[in-house]
Structure formats: structure tokens, C-alpha cells
Amino acid sequence: MEYGLIGEKLGHSYSKIIHEKIGGYHYGLNPLAKDNFDAFMKSRDFKGINVTIPYKKDVIPYLDEIDEIAAKIGAVNTIVNKNGKLKGYNTDFYGLLYTVDHNYIKIEGKKVLVLGNGGAAKAVIALLQHLKAKDIILVGRTAKDGAITYEECYQSHSDGQVIVNTTPLGMYPELDAAAVDLKAFPSCEAALDLIYNPLRTKLLLQAESLGIQAVNGLEMLVAQAVYAAEKYLDKKIDESIIEEIYNDILMEFMKKET
């Protein structure tokens, strides 16, 4: 495999479709069992890979170099093999930055609630810090690793202005789930859900019904893939391709829904 994605379960991945729309290389999906992970990383038998659950932290000890943003986040989703040396990046950060900018979501000076305290939340928090959010409240099922509980969130942070969902709640096929009830957050201006299947989760449908800006995770998925491709090919790619690919996949989603 020259270029591709590693992760434990890749059945519903859109990465191959996106990368092959970018063009310039063949992209494979490589479901990797934990027993085979060490041998794969030590072999270095690839030019460039993307990394997904559960290996975004596990790959770090195998790297010769790590980008500053990825080091700050503590997670890597893109690795480039250059003359036998592995360098790790986190293009999720830049994919999310593109999404926030492209949808004109104002973060500076805002109180932002981040739902879920897994690996995806770390990239979100790094971006929110970069964009100068006033307050960043991490919310989890239990109060640990800097997170508060949902109960405490409802009690003390109903003034949250932006809500970012990094949990899998609402993802296909569990469509009737949402991490929070937005009616409890009357100051909320924007809800960003990293889920992209379905395009409109229960959380985002409620946001729309309440007049809150609702943004799904598909744009981020496409953008981070384009930024990963830039690392693979060592060249700048025109950002207009992000919207082109996003619209192509959006049309495919809409055909499935009708």
C-alpha cells in the first residue's frame, strides 16, 4: 500500500472516495487488527497514510518527527514516509479550521462547549485555543481528564454560545440519539457536529428548528483529506477542490436519502 487509511474498523469510511477524487495517487483501506499494528508500523512499507481510531496516539512512538500542532494535540492522523523517515501531522485541526472559517462561525471571545472527551476533542480544543475562545468547557459522561459531567453542564453552563459534538451519539444507525438538548442552551448561536452520516443528526435537526446555525462534519472530513494530500504530494492544492468534492459527496448522500 503506497497511500491509504489504517484503523481497526473502516467499513463506512469515505476516505478512499475523497482521496481518489483529489487525484494523483491510488488510495487503499487497510483495516488493521491490534495484533498486526506493530509489525505494520515497523515495516514502514508505505509512502503516506491516514490514521483513524484507535491508532492516532499509538503511532506517535514510531515517528522520527512530529509536527508542532500534532504534538500539542497528542494525536496524529497523517504520516508521510520521506526517505525512510516518518513524520506525523494532524490535519483534523486544519480541516476543522476550514469548516469554522467557511461557515463564518465566530469563536473569538465566545463560550464553547465541547461534548465528548475522546481523541477528536483534543483537536477541537487546540483549534478553539488558537481561535481565542473565551471559555472552553469540556463535557463527558464522567468528570475526569478535565471534563465536567453533562449534569454540571446543564446546571452551570447554559450560557454556552457554540456547541461542538465530538461524540458518536446520533451517528448511523443510532439516529435517535443526541448528546444534549439544545433547548437548555438559549444563548447558543451555532452547533457543529463532527458526525457526517447522517448529514443532519438529531442535534443538528433540533438546532435548525431553534434557529441555531447547524454544521455537520462532512466538510471537515473532505478538508482534512485535502490537507493530508498536500503532505503526501509535497505541494499546495487549490482549496476550491474542497467545495467541489464536498458537493459531489453531498449529492451522493442526498440520492441515498431519497
Protein backbone atom coordinates (compact mmCIF):
# COMPACT_ATOMS: atom_id res chain seq x y z
CA MET A 1 0.00 0.00 0.00
CA GLU A 2 1.56 3.29 -1.10
CA TYR A 3 -1.20 5.55 0.25
CA GLY A 4 -4.21 4.69 2.37
CA LEU A 5 -6.00 4.60 5.70
CA ILE A 6 -5.27 2.43 8.72
CA GLY A 7 -7.71 1.83 11.55
CA GLU A 8 -9.40 -1.04 13.31
CA LYS A 9 -12.78 -0.78 11.54
CA LEU A 10 -13.08 1.01 8.20
CA GLY A 11 -16.37 -0.33 6.83
CA HIS A 12 -18.09 3.05 6.49
CA SER A 13 -15.06 5.16 5.56
CA TYR A 14 -15.36 7.75 2.79
CA SER A 15 -11.60 8.35 2.71
CA LYS A 16 -10.96 6.29 -0.44
CA ILE A 17 -13.69 8.12 -2.35
CA ILE A 18 -12.40 11.53 -1.25
CA HIS A 19 -8.70 10.88 -1.88
CA GLU A 20 -9.29 9.42 -5.31
CA LYS A 21 -11.36 12.48 -6.23
CA ILE A 22 -8.34 14.60 -5.25
CA GLY A 23 -6.30 12.57 -7.75
CA GLY A 24 -2.64 11.84 -8.23
CA TYR A 25 -2.41 8.53 -6.37
CA HIS A 26 -4.23 5.29 -5.61
CA TYR A 27 -5.63 5.12 -2.07
CA GLY A 28 -6.43 1.94 -0.17
CA LEU A 29 -8.27 0.99 3.00
CA ASN A 30 -6.29 -1.20 5.38
CA PRO A 31 -8.31 -2.48 8.37
CA LEU A 32 -5.57 -3.26 10.87
CA ALA A 33 -6.04 -5.55 13.87
CA LYS A 34 -4.17 -4.55 17.02
CA ASP A 35 -2.05 -7.70 16.79
CA ASN A 36 -0.73 -6.56 13.39
CA PHE A 37 -0.25 -2.86 14.18
CA ASP A 38 3.34 -3.04 15.49
CA ALA A 39 4.63 -5.05 12.51
CA PHE A 40 2.90 -2.69 10.05
CA MET A 41 4.41 0.44 11.58
CA LYS A 42 7.89 -1.08 11.87
CA SER A 43 7.84 -2.17 8.23
CA ARG A 44 7.33 1.44 7.04
CA ASP A 45 6.02 -0.05 3.81
CA PHE A 46 4.05 2.98 2.63
CA LYS A 47 4.58 6.48 1.24
CA GLY A 48 1.76 8.14 3.16
CA ILE A 49 -1.10 7.04 5.39
CA ASN A 50 -4.02 8.46 7.28
CA VAL A 51 -4.68 7.11 10.76
CA THR A 52 -8.04 6.70 12.46
CA ILE A 53 -9.49 5.08 15.61
CA PRO A 54 -7.87 3.63 17.68
CA TYR A 55 -4.32 4.37 16.49
CA LYS A 56 -3.99 8.20 16.45
CA LYS A 57 -1.93 8.16 19.66
CA ASP A 58 -0.39 4.72 19.19
CA VAL A 59 1.52 5.74 16.05
CA ILE A 60 3.48 8.50 17.78
CA PRO A 61 6.33 6.34 19.21
CA TYR A 62 7.08 5.06 15.68
CA LEU A 63 7.66 8.55 14.26
CA ASP A 64 11.01 10.23 13.63
CA GLU A 65 9.43 13.67 13.67
CA ILE A 66 6.10 15.20 14.65
CA ASP A 67 4.54 18.46 13.55
CA GLU A 68 4.08 21.12 16.24
CA ILE A 69 0.26 21.10 16.05
CA ALA A 70 0.10 17.28 16.20
CA ALA A 71 2.46 17.28 19.19
CA LYS A 72 0.28 19.82 21.00
CA ILE A 73 -2.87 17.79 20.32
CA GLY A 74 -1.17 14.50 21.17
CA ALA A 75 -2.69 12.74 18.16
CA VAL A 76 -1.59 12.09 14.58
CA ASN A 77 -3.89 11.39 11.63
CA THR A 78 -1.41 11.75 8.74
CA ILE A 79 2.03 10.19 8.33
CA VAL A 80 4.45 10.76 5.46
CA ASN A 81 7.39 8.45 4.75
CA LYS A 82 10.22 10.53 3.30
CA ASN A 83 13.38 8.54 2.54
CA GLY A 84 12.56 6.06 5.28
CA LYS A 85 11.84 8.73 7.91
CA LEU A 86 8.29 9.07 9.28
CA LYS A 87 6.78 12.47 10.05
CA GLY A 88 3.37 12.86 11.68
CA TYR A 89 0.79 15.61 11.25
CA ASN A 90 -2.74 16.36 12.44
CA THR A 91 -4.79 17.63 9.50
CA ASP A 92 -8.03 17.32 11.53
CA PHE A 93 -7.02 20.65 13.08
CA TYR A 94 -6.84 22.34 9.68
CA GLY A 95 -9.97 20.59 8.42
CA LEU A 96 -11.91 21.97 11.36
CA LEU A 97 -10.37 25.42 10.89
CA TYR A 98 -11.55 25.40 7.27
CA THR A 99 -15.07 24.41 8.35
CA VAL A 100 -15.29 27.13 11.01
CA ASP A 101 -13.97 29.80 8.63
CA HIS A 102 -16.03 28.66 5.64
CA ASN A 103 -19.24 28.75 7.68
CA TYR A 104 -18.38 32.05 9.38
CA ILE A 105 -18.67 30.60 12.87
CA LYS A 106 -17.32 33.17 15.31
CA ILE A 107 -15.20 31.62 18.06
CA GLU A 108 -13.13 34.51 19.43
CA GLY A 109 -14.50 35.72 22.76
CA LYS A 110 -17.19 33.00 22.86
CA LYS A 111 -18.03 30.35 25.44
CA VAL A 112 -17.73 26.99 23.70
CA LEU A 113 -18.98 23.63 24.97
CA VAL A 114 -17.12 20.58 23.64
CA LEU A 115 -19.17 17.39 24.02
CA GLY A 116 -17.08 14.26 24.49
CA ASN A 117 -13.54 13.95 25.79
CA GLY A 118 -12.04 11.39 23.38
CA GLY A 119 -9.30 11.90 20.81
CA ALA A 120 -11.37 14.10 18.49
CA ALA A 121 -11.97 16.59 21.30
CA LYS A 122 -8.25 17.28 21.60
CA ALA A 123 -8.02 18.66 18.06
CA VAL A 124 -11.17 20.73 18.68
CA ILE A 125 -9.77 22.21 21.89
CA ALA A 126 -6.44 23.06 20.21
CA LEU A 127 -8.33 24.90 17.47
CA LEU A 128 -10.57 26.75 19.93
CA GLN A 129 -7.49 27.92 21.83
CA HIS A 130 -5.92 29.03 18.54
CA LEU A 131 -9.07 30.99 17.66
CA LYS A 132 -9.13 32.63 21.11
CA ALA A 133 -12.36 31.25 22.55
CA LYS A 134 -13.09 32.96 25.85
CA ASP A 135 -14.12 29.78 27.70
CA ILE A 136 -13.77 26.15 26.64
CA ILE A 137 -15.89 23.69 28.63
CA LEU A 138 -15.16 20.01 28.09
CA VAL A 139 -18.15 17.76 28.82
CA GLY A 140 -18.02 13.99 29.30
CA ARG A 141 -20.00 11.14 30.78
CA THR A 142 -17.77 11.29 33.85
CA ALA A 143 -15.81 14.12 35.45
CA LYS A 144 -12.24 13.18 34.53
CA ASP A 145 -9.36 14.36 32.33
CA GLY A 146 -10.53 17.96 32.67
CA ALA A 147 -14.15 17.24 31.76
CA ILE A 148 -17.30 18.07 33.69
CA THR A 149 -20.44 15.93 33.63
CA TYR A 150 -23.47 16.66 31.45
CA GLU A 151 -25.46 17.33 34.63
CA GLU A 152 -22.99 20.03 35.68
CA CYS A 153 -23.03 21.43 32.15
CA TYR A 154 -26.81 21.87 32.27
CA GLN A 155 -26.61 23.43 35.73
CA SER A 156 -23.70 25.83 35.27
CA HIS A 157 -23.10 26.41 31.55
CA SER A 158 -26.48 27.03 29.94
CA ASP A 159 -24.93 30.23 28.56
CA GLY A 160 -22.78 28.30 26.09
CA GLN A 161 -22.68 30.12 22.74
CA VAL A 162 -21.14 27.47 20.48
CA ILE A 163 -21.57 23.69 20.92
CA VAL A 164 -19.28 21.15 19.25
CA ASN A 165 -20.25 17.48 19.35
CA THR A 166 -17.31 15.05 19.15
CA THR A 167 -19.25 12.05 20.48
CA PRO A 168 -20.72 9.31 18.23
CA LEU A 169 -24.22 10.00 19.59
CA GLY A 170 -26.55 10.41 16.63
CA MET A 171 -24.35 8.55 14.17
CA TYR A 172 -25.91 5.98 11.84
CA PRO A 173 -27.62 3.65 12.74
CA GLU A 174 -28.36 5.18 16.20
CA LEU A 175 -30.21 8.12 14.69
CA ASP A 176 -32.46 8.91 17.64
CA ALA A 177 -29.67 10.00 19.99
CA ALA A 178 -28.20 13.39 20.85
CA ALA A 179 -25.59 14.37 23.42
CA VAL A 180 -27.59 17.35 24.71
CA ASP A 181 -30.97 19.06 24.46
CA LEU A 182 -30.31 22.44 22.84
CA LYS A 183 -33.40 23.95 24.44
CA ALA A 184 -31.33 24.11 27.63
CA PHE A 185 -28.86 26.50 25.95
CA PRO A 186 -30.80 29.65 24.96
CA SER A 187 -27.59 31.58 24.14
CA CYS A 188 -26.38 29.01 21.61
CA GLU A 189 -25.59 30.55 18.22
CA ALA A 190 -24.00 27.59 16.39
CA ALA A 191 -23.92 23.79 16.71
CA LEU A 192 -21.14 21.90 14.97
CA ASP A 193 -21.42 18.10 14.84
CA LEU A 194 -18.36 16.16 13.66
CA ILE A 195 -20.69 13.35 12.52
CA TYR A 196 -21.34 13.27 8.76
CA ASN A 197 -23.56 10.17 8.50
CA PRO A 198 -26.33 11.21 8.70
CA LEU A 199 -25.73 14.72 7.41
CA ARG A 200 -28.38 16.07 9.77
CA THR A 201 -28.16 14.40 13.15
CA LYS A 202 -30.85 14.76 15.78
CA LEU A 203 -28.72 17.51 17.35
CA LEU A 204 -28.50 19.46 14.09
CA LEU A 205 -32.18 18.98 13.28
CA GLN A 206 -33.03 20.47 16.66
CA ALA A 207 -30.58 23.33 16.04
CA GLU A 208 -32.32 24.14 12.76
CA SER A 209 -35.73 24.08 14.44
CA LEU A 210 -34.48 26.56 17.05
CA GLY A 211 -32.89 28.92 14.51
CA ILE A 212 -29.36 27.92 15.52
CA GLN A 213 -26.68 27.59 12.82
CA ALA A 214 -26.16 23.86 12.16
CA VAL A 215 -22.97 22.48 10.58
CA ASN A 216 -22.11 18.80 10.02
CA GLY A 217 -18.72 17.09 9.82
CA LEU A 218 -18.59 16.30 6.09
CA GLU A 219 -16.76 19.48 5.15
CA MET A 220 -14.13 18.82 7.81
CA LEU A 221 -13.68 15.26 6.54
CA VAL A 222 -13.04 16.46 2.99
CA ALA A 223 -10.81 19.36 4.04
CA GLN A 224 -8.57 17.27 6.28
CA ALA A 225 -8.14 14.77 3.43
CA VAL A 226 -7.08 17.53 1.03
CA TYR A 227 -4.55 18.85 3.58
CA ALA A 228 -3.25 15.29 4.05
CA ALA A 229 -2.84 15.00 0.27
CA GLU A 230 -0.73 18.17 0.33
CA LYS A 231 1.63 16.41 2.74
CA TYR A 232 1.72 13.25 0.60
CA LEU A 233 2.45 15.10 -2.63
CA ASP A 234 4.51 17.90 -1.07
CA LYS A 235 2.61 20.56 -2.96
CA LYS A 236 -0.12 23.13 -2.39
CA ILE A 237 -3.60 22.11 -3.60
CA ASP A 238 -6.16 24.77 -4.52
CA GLU A 239 -8.74 24.90 -1.70
CA SER A 240 -11.56 25.17 -4.24
CA ILE A 241 -11.33 21.38 -4.63
CA ILE A 242 -12.68 21.01 -1.06
CA GLU A 243 -16.03 22.51 -2.02
CA GLU A 244 -16.10 20.56 -5.31
CA ILE A 245 -15.61 17.21 -3.57
CA TYR A 246 -17.94 18.19 -0.72
CA ASN A 247 -20.72 18.96 -3.22
CA ASP A 248 -20.10 15.68 -5.11
CA ILE A 249 -20.42 13.62 -1.92
CA LEU A 250 -23.35 15.71 -0.72
CA MET A 251 -25.22 14.80 -3.90
CA GLU A 252 -24.45 11.11 -3.31
CA PHE A 253 -25.79 11.37 0.25
CA MET A 254 -28.95 13.11 -0.93
CA LYS A 255 -29.60 10.41 -3.55
CA LYS A 256 -29.42 7.77 -0.80
CA GLU A 257 -31.85 9.70 1.38
CA THR A 258 -34.49 10.00 -1.37
